[in-house]
Amino acid sequence: MNLLTNFHFRFFLFSTLIAGLILVFSNFLPQTIHTSIWSIFGFVAGLSYLVSALALWLYKKSPENFLQIKLLGMVIRILSSLGFIAILVVMGVENIILFIVNFFILFLFYLTFDIYTFISNLRPISK
């Protein structure tokens, strides 16, 4: 199996790139990064990995239900993210606006990665 086509390797590479961007921004523009960025990063990366791995596993079990599997992944991701934000806001996180902006940016990065893997899987599905 080619290493670059392996989902786990690509996800690890993407997460390393995002962590590097966080480090660069926290060193050069610290006012743009929330103090709990690593908990946000860990949650979003972990959730995205689990949802994508679950979708991949379900797709291998039942390829004809691909659309339902992707919709289930989106629902799980959105509900979990809203729950995470609500819990941290209720716990009294400082600078809520910066927290939500950082969360939303990381969420969009991982959503873009998920859409990219979805588009790259469309060719094998159409055959």
N, C-alpha and C. Protein backbone atom coordinates (compact mmCIF):
# COMPACT_ATOMS: atom_id res chain seq x y z
N MET A 1 0.85 -1.18 0.00
CA MET A 1 0.00 0.00 0.00
C MET A 1 0.89 1.24 0.00
N ASN A 2 0.57 2.16 -0.85
CA ASN A 2 1.31 3.41 -0.94
C ASN A 2 1.05 4.24 0.32
N LEU A 3 2.10 4.76 0.90
CA LEU A 3 1.99 5.49 2.15
C LEU A 3 1.18 6.77 2.00
N LEU A 4 1.27 7.43 0.86
CA LEU A 4 0.55 8.69 0.67
C LEU A 4 -0.95 8.49 0.48
N THR A 5 -1.38 7.30 0.12
CA THR A 5 -2.81 7.04 -0.02
C THR A 5 -3.42 6.51 1.27
N ASN A 6 -2.60 6.24 2.27
CA ASN A 6 -3.09 5.75 3.55
C ASN A 6 -3.74 6.90 4.31
N PHE A 7 -5.00 6.72 4.72
CA PHE A 7 -5.74 7.76 5.42
C PHE A 7 -5.07 8.16 6.72
N HIS A 8 -4.61 7.19 7.49
CA HIS A 8 -4.02 7.48 8.80
C HIS A 8 -2.75 8.31 8.66
N PHE A 9 -1.93 7.98 7.68
CA PHE A 9 -0.71 8.76 7.46
C PHE A 9 -1.03 10.18 7.01
N ARG A 10 -1.97 10.32 6.08
CA ARG A 10 -2.34 11.66 5.61
C ARG A 10 -2.94 12.49 6.75
N PHE A 11 -3.75 11.86 7.60
CA PHE A 11 -4.33 12.58 8.72
C PHE A 11 -3.25 13.03 9.69
N PHE A 12 -2.29 12.16 9.99
CA PHE A 12 -1.18 12.51 10.88
C PHE A 12 -0.36 13.65 10.28
N LEU A 13 -0.10 13.59 8.98
CA LEU A 13 0.66 14.64 8.30
C LEU A 13 -0.09 15.97 8.35
N PHE A 14 -1.40 15.93 8.09
CA PHE A 14 -2.22 17.13 8.13
C PHE A 14 -2.25 17.72 9.54
N SER A 15 -2.41 16.86 10.56
CA SER A 15 -2.45 17.34 11.94
C SER A 15 -1.12 17.95 12.36
N THR A 16 -0.03 17.37 11.88
CA THR A 16 1.29 17.93 12.18
C THR A 16 1.44 19.31 11.54
N LEU A 17 0.94 19.46 10.32
CA LEU A 17 0.98 20.76 9.65
C LEU A 17 0.15 21.80 10.42
N ILE A 18 -1.02 21.42 10.87
CA ILE A 18 -1.87 22.35 11.63
C ILE A 18 -1.21 22.71 12.97
N ALA A 19 -0.61 21.72 13.64
CA ALA A 19 0.08 22.01 14.90
C ALA A 19 1.26 22.96 14.67
N GLY A 20 1.95 22.78 13.55
CA GLY A 20 3.04 23.70 13.21
C GLY A 20 2.53 25.12 12.97
N LEU A 21 1.40 25.24 12.28
CA LEU A 21 0.80 26.57 12.08
C LEU A 21 0.41 27.21 13.41
N ILE A 22 -0.12 26.42 14.32
CA ILE A 22 -0.49 26.95 15.64
C ILE A 22 0.75 27.46 16.36
N LEU A 23 1.84 26.69 16.31
CA LEU A 23 3.08 27.13 16.95
C LEU A 23 3.62 28.41 16.34
N VAL A 24 3.57 28.52 15.02
CA VAL A 24 4.06 29.72 14.35
C VAL A 24 3.22 30.93 14.76
N PHE A 25 1.90 30.77 14.72
CA PHE A 25 1.02 31.89 15.10
C PHE A 25 1.16 32.24 16.58
N SER A 26 1.34 31.24 17.44
CA SER A 26 1.46 31.55 18.86
C SER A 26 2.78 32.25 19.18
N ASN A 27 3.81 32.04 18.35
CA ASN A 27 5.09 32.72 18.57
C ASN A 27 5.12 34.12 17.96
N PHE A 28 4.52 34.29 16.78
CA PHE A 28 4.62 35.57 16.09
C PHE A 28 3.40 36.47 16.29
N LEU A 29 2.22 35.90 16.47
CA LEU A 29 1.00 36.67 16.71
C LEU A 29 0.24 36.06 17.90
N PRO A 30 0.78 36.21 19.10
CA PRO A 30 0.16 35.54 20.26
C PRO A 30 -1.24 36.07 20.60
N GLN A 31 -1.58 37.26 20.16
CA GLN A 31 -2.89 37.81 20.47
C GLN A 31 -4.00 37.14 19.64
N THR A 32 -3.63 36.38 18.60
CA THR A 32 -4.63 35.71 17.77
C THR A 32 -4.91 34.28 18.21
N ILE A 33 -4.18 33.79 19.19
CA ILE A 33 -4.32 32.41 19.64
C ILE A 33 -4.84 32.39 21.07
N HIS A 34 -5.90 31.61 21.30
CA HIS A 34 -6.49 31.49 22.63
C HIS A 34 -5.59 30.64 23.52
N THR A 35 -5.69 30.85 24.82
CA THR A 35 -4.84 30.12 25.76
C THR A 35 -5.14 28.62 25.79
N SER A 36 -6.34 28.23 25.45
CA SER A 36 -6.69 26.80 25.45
C SER A 36 -6.72 26.23 24.03
N ILE A 37 -5.81 26.71 23.18
CA ILE A 37 -5.78 26.26 21.79
C ILE A 37 -5.45 24.78 21.69
N TRP A 38 -4.61 24.27 22.59
CA TRP A 38 -4.22 22.87 22.47
C TRP A 38 -5.35 21.92 22.87
N SER A 39 -6.22 22.37 23.77
CA SER A 39 -7.39 21.54 24.07
C SER A 39 -8.38 21.58 22.90
N ILE A 40 -8.49 22.73 22.26
CA ILE A 40 -9.34 22.84 21.07
C ILE A 40 -8.77 21.95 19.96
N PHE A 41 -7.46 22.06 19.74
CA PHE A 41 -6.82 21.26 18.70
C PHE A 41 -6.98 19.76 18.97
N GLY A 42 -6.76 19.36 20.20
CA GLY A 42 -6.90 17.95 20.55
C GLY A 42 -8.31 17.44 20.34
N PHE A 43 -9.29 18.24 20.75
CA PHE A 43 -10.68 17.82 20.57
C PHE A 43 -11.05 17.73 19.09
N VAL A 44 -10.74 18.77 18.32
CA VAL A 44 -11.12 18.79 16.91
C VAL A 44 -10.39 17.69 16.14
N ALA A 45 -9.09 17.52 16.40
CA ALA A 45 -8.33 16.49 15.70
C ALA A 45 -8.82 15.10 16.10
N GLY A 46 -9.03 14.88 17.38
CA GLY A 46 -9.52 13.58 17.83
C GLY A 46 -10.90 13.26 17.29
N LEU A 47 -11.79 14.23 17.35
CA LEU A 47 -13.14 14.03 16.84
C LEU A 47 -13.12 13.77 15.34
N SER A 48 -12.36 14.54 14.62
CA SER A 48 -12.29 14.37 13.17
C SER A 48 -11.70 13.01 12.81
N TYR A 49 -10.68 12.58 13.53
CA TYR A 49 -10.08 11.27 13.26
C TYR A 49 -11.08 10.16 13.55
N LEU A 50 -11.74 10.24 14.70
CA LEU A 50 -12.70 9.19 15.05
C LEU A 50 -13.87 9.12 14.07
N VAL A 51 -14.41 10.27 13.70
CA VAL A 51 -15.54 10.29 12.77
C VAL A 51 -15.11 9.78 11.40
N SER A 52 -13.94 10.19 10.94
CA SER A 52 -13.47 9.75 9.62
C SER A 52 -13.13 8.27 9.62
N ALA A 53 -12.50 7.79 10.69
CA ALA A 53 -12.18 6.36 10.77
C ALA A 53 -13.45 5.52 10.85
N LEU A 54 -14.44 6.01 11.61
CA LEU A 54 -15.72 5.31 11.68
C LEU A 54 -16.40 5.29 10.32
N ALA A 55 -16.37 6.41 9.61
CA ALA A 55 -16.98 6.47 8.28
C ALA A 55 -16.27 5.53 7.32
N LEU A 56 -14.95 5.46 7.39
CA LEU A 56 -14.19 4.55 6.53
C LEU A 56 -14.55 3.10 6.83
N TRP A 57 -14.64 2.77 8.11
CA TRP A 57 -14.99 1.41 8.51
C TRP A 57 -16.40 1.05 8.07
N LEU A 58 -17.36 1.96 8.28
CA LEU A 58 -18.74 1.70 7.85
C LEU A 58 -18.84 1.61 6.34
N TYR A 59 -18.06 2.40 5.63
CA TYR A 59 -18.09 2.35 4.17
C TYR A 59 -17.59 1.00 3.66
N LYS A 60 -16.56 0.45 4.31
CA LYS A 60 -16.06 -0.87 3.90
C LYS A 60 -17.09 -1.96 4.18
N LYS A 61 -17.89 -1.77 5.24
CA LYS A 61 -18.94 -2.75 5.56
C LYS A 61 -20.12 -2.65 4.60
N SER A 62 -20.48 -1.42 4.23
CA SER A 62 -21.67 -1.21 3.42
C SER A 62 -21.46 -0.04 2.46
N PRO A 63 -20.84 -0.28 1.30
CA PRO A 63 -20.53 0.82 0.38
C PRO A 63 -21.76 1.49 -0.23
N GLU A 64 -22.87 0.82 -0.26
CA GLU A 64 -24.06 1.44 -0.87
C GLU A 64 -24.69 2.51 0.01
N ASN A 65 -24.31 2.59 1.27
CA ASN A 65 -24.85 3.58 2.20
C ASN A 65 -23.88 4.73 2.43
N PHE A 66 -23.11 5.09 1.42
CA PHE A 66 -22.06 6.10 1.58
C PHE A 66 -22.63 7.45 2.00
N LEU A 67 -23.71 7.88 1.39
CA LEU A 67 -24.30 9.18 1.70
C LEU A 67 -24.80 9.23 3.15
N GLN A 68 -25.46 8.18 3.59
CA GLN A 68 -25.95 8.14 4.97
C GLN A 68 -24.80 8.13 5.97
N ILE A 69 -23.71 7.46 5.62
CA ILE A 69 -22.54 7.42 6.49
C ILE A 69 -21.94 8.82 6.62
N LYS A 70 -21.82 9.54 5.52
CA LYS A 70 -21.26 10.89 5.56
C LYS A 70 -22.18 11.84 6.35
N LEU A 71 -23.49 11.71 6.17
CA LEU A 71 -24.42 12.54 6.92
C LEU A 71 -24.36 12.25 8.41
N LEU A 72 -24.23 10.98 8.77
CA LEU A 72 -24.08 10.62 10.17
C LEU A 72 -22.81 11.24 10.75
N GLY A 73 -21.73 11.21 9.99
CA GLY A 73 -20.48 11.82 10.45
C GLY A 73 -20.62 13.31 10.67
N MET A 74 -21.33 13.98 9.76
CA MET A 74 -21.54 15.43 9.92
C MET A 74 -22.36 15.74 11.16
N VAL A 75 -23.41 14.97 11.40
CA VAL A 75 -24.27 15.19 12.57
C VAL A 75 -23.48 14.97 13.85
N ILE A 76 -22.71 13.88 13.90
CA ILE A 76 -21.90 13.60 15.09
C ILE A 76 -20.89 14.72 15.33
N ARG A 77 -20.25 15.17 14.25
CA ARG A 77 -19.23 16.22 14.38
C ARG A 77 -19.84 17.54 14.88
N ILE A 78 -20.97 17.93 14.33
CA ILE A 78 -21.58 19.21 14.71
C ILE A 78 -22.12 19.16 16.14
N LEU A 79 -22.82 18.08 16.49
CA LEU A 79 -23.37 17.99 17.85
C LEU A 79 -22.26 17.90 18.89
N SER A 80 -21.22 17.15 18.61
CA SER A 80 -20.10 17.07 19.55
C SER A 80 -19.40 18.41 19.70
N SER A 81 -19.23 19.12 18.60
CA SER A 81 -18.57 20.43 18.65
C SER A 81 -19.39 21.44 19.44
N LEU A 82 -20.69 21.46 19.20
CA LEU A 82 -21.55 22.37 19.97
C LEU A 82 -21.54 22.02 21.45
N GLY A 83 -21.51 20.74 21.76
CA GLY A 83 -21.42 20.33 23.16
C GLY A 83 -20.11 20.75 23.80
N PHE A 84 -19.00 20.60 23.08
CA PHE A 84 -17.69 21.01 23.59
C PHE A 84 -17.65 22.51 23.85
N ILE A 85 -18.15 23.28 22.90
CA ILE A 85 -18.17 24.73 23.07
C ILE A 85 -19.05 25.12 24.25
N ALA A 86 -20.22 24.50 24.36
CA ALA A 86 -21.13 24.83 25.45
C ALA A 86 -20.52 24.49 26.81
N ILE A 87 -19.88 23.35 26.92
CA ILE A 87 -19.28 22.96 28.19
C ILE A 87 -18.18 23.93 28.60
N LEU A 88 -17.31 24.29 27.67
CA LEU A 88 -16.22 25.20 28.02
C LEU A 88 -16.71 26.62 28.30
N VAL A 89 -17.76 27.06 27.61
CA VAL A 89 -18.31 28.38 27.88
C VAL A 89 -18.97 28.41 29.25
N VAL A 90 -19.69 27.35 29.59
CA VAL A 90 -20.33 27.28 30.91
C VAL A 90 -19.28 27.20 32.02
N MET A 91 -18.16 26.52 31.74
CA MET A 91 -17.09 26.43 32.74
C MET A 91 -16.37 27.75 32.94
N GLY A 92 -16.60 28.71 32.06
CA GLY A 92 -16.05 30.04 32.26
C GLY A 92 -14.74 30.28 31.55
N VAL A 93 -14.64 29.88 30.31
CA VAL A 93 -13.42 30.13 29.56
C VAL A 93 -13.29 31.63 29.29
N GLU A 94 -12.07 32.13 29.35
CA GLU A 94 -11.84 33.56 29.12
C GLU A 94 -11.84 33.87 27.63
N ASN A 95 -12.20 35.08 27.29
CA ASN A 95 -12.18 35.57 25.91
C ASN A 95 -12.94 34.62 24.98
N ILE A 96 -14.25 34.57 25.17
CA ILE A 96 -15.10 33.62 24.46
C ILE A 96 -15.05 33.82 22.95
N ILE A 97 -15.01 35.06 22.51
CA ILE A 97 -15.00 35.34 21.07
C ILE A 97 -13.76 34.74 20.41
N LEU A 98 -12.58 34.95 21.00
CA LEU A 98 -11.34 34.38 20.46
C LEU A 98 -11.38 32.86 20.51
N PHE A 99 -11.95 32.31 21.57
CA PHE A 99 -12.10 30.85 21.69
C PHE A 99 -12.94 30.30 20.55
N ILE A 100 -14.08 30.91 20.29
CA ILE A 100 -14.98 30.42 19.24
C ILE A 100 -14.35 30.61 17.86
N VAL A 101 -13.66 31.72 17.65
CA VAL A 101 -12.99 31.96 16.36
C VAL A 101 -11.91 30.90 16.13
N ASN A 102 -11.08 30.64 17.14
CA ASN A 102 -10.05 29.60 16.99
C ASN A 102 -10.67 28.23 16.77
N PHE A 103 -11.74 27.93 17.49
CA PHE A 103 -12.41 26.65 17.31
C PHE A 103 -12.96 26.53 15.89
N PHE A 104 -13.60 27.58 15.42
CA PHE A 104 -14.21 27.56 14.09
C PHE A 104 -13.16 27.40 13.00
N ILE A 105 -12.01 28.06 13.15
CA ILE A 105 -10.94 27.95 12.15
C ILE A 105 -10.41 26.52 12.11
N LEU A 106 -10.13 25.94 13.27
CA LEU A 106 -9.65 24.56 13.29
C LEU A 106 -10.71 23.59 12.76
N PHE A 107 -11.97 23.84 13.13
CA PHE A 107 -13.06 23.00 12.64
C PHE A 107 -13.12 23.05 11.12
N LEU A 108 -12.97 24.23 10.54
CA LEU A 108 -13.01 24.36 9.08
C LEU A 108 -11.81 23.69 8.40
N PHE A 109 -10.63 23.78 9.02
CA PHE A 109 -9.47 23.10 8.46
C PHE A 109 -9.73 21.59 8.37
N TYR A 110 -10.22 21.02 9.45
CA TYR A 110 -10.47 19.58 9.45
C TYR A 110 -11.67 19.21 8.58
N LEU A 111 -12.64 20.08 8.47
CA LEU A 111 -13.76 19.83 7.57
C LEU A 111 -13.29 19.85 6.12
N THR A 112 -12.37 20.76 5.80
CA THR A 112 -11.79 20.80 4.46
C THR A 112 -11.02 19.52 4.16
N PHE A 113 -10.29 19.02 5.14
CA PHE A 113 -9.58 17.75 4.97
C PHE A 113 -10.57 16.61 4.72
N ASP A 114 -11.67 16.61 5.45
CA ASP A 114 -12.68 15.57 5.28
C ASP A 114 -13.33 15.66 3.90
N ILE A 115 -13.61 16.87 3.44
CA ILE A 115 -14.19 17.05 2.11
C ILE A 115 -13.20 16.61 1.04
N TYR A 116 -11.93 16.91 1.23
CA TYR A 116 -10.91 16.48 0.28
C TYR A 116 -10.85 14.96 0.20
N THR A 117 -10.86 14.27 1.34
CA THR A 117 -10.85 12.81 1.31
C THR A 117 -12.14 12.27 0.70
N PHE A 118 -13.25 12.96 0.93
CA PHE A 118 -14.52 12.55 0.32
C PHE A 118 -14.45 12.65 -1.20
N ILE A 119 -13.92 13.76 -1.71
CA ILE A 119 -13.82 13.94 -3.16
C ILE A 119 -12.84 12.95 -3.76
N SER A 120 -11.75 12.65 -3.05
CA SER A 120 -10.79 11.69 -3.58
C SER A 120 -11.36 10.28 -3.60
N ASN A 121 -12.39 10.00 -2.80
CA ASN A 121 -13.02 8.68 -2.81
C ASN A 121 -14.16 8.59 -3.80
N LEU A 122 -14.53 9.67 -4.46
CA LEU A 122 -15.65 9.61 -5.40
C LEU A 122 -15.32 8.80 -6.64
N ARG A 123 -14.11 8.85 -7.12
CA ARG A 123 -13.75 8.09 -8.31
C ARG A 123 -13.91 6.59 -8.09
N PRO A 124 -13.39 5.99 -7.00
CA PRO A 124 -13.61 4.55 -6.82
C PRO A 124 -15.08 4.19 -6.65
N ILE A 125 -15.88 5.11 -6.09
CA ILE A 125 -17.30 4.80 -5.89
C ILE A 125 -18.04 4.77 -7.22
N SER A 126 -17.64 5.63 -8.16
CA SER A 126 -18.36 5.73 -9.42
C SER A 126 -18.09 4.54 -10.35
N LYS A 127 -17.08 3.74 -10.06
CA LYS A 127 -16.76 2.60 -10.93
C LYS A 127 -17.66 1.43 -10.67
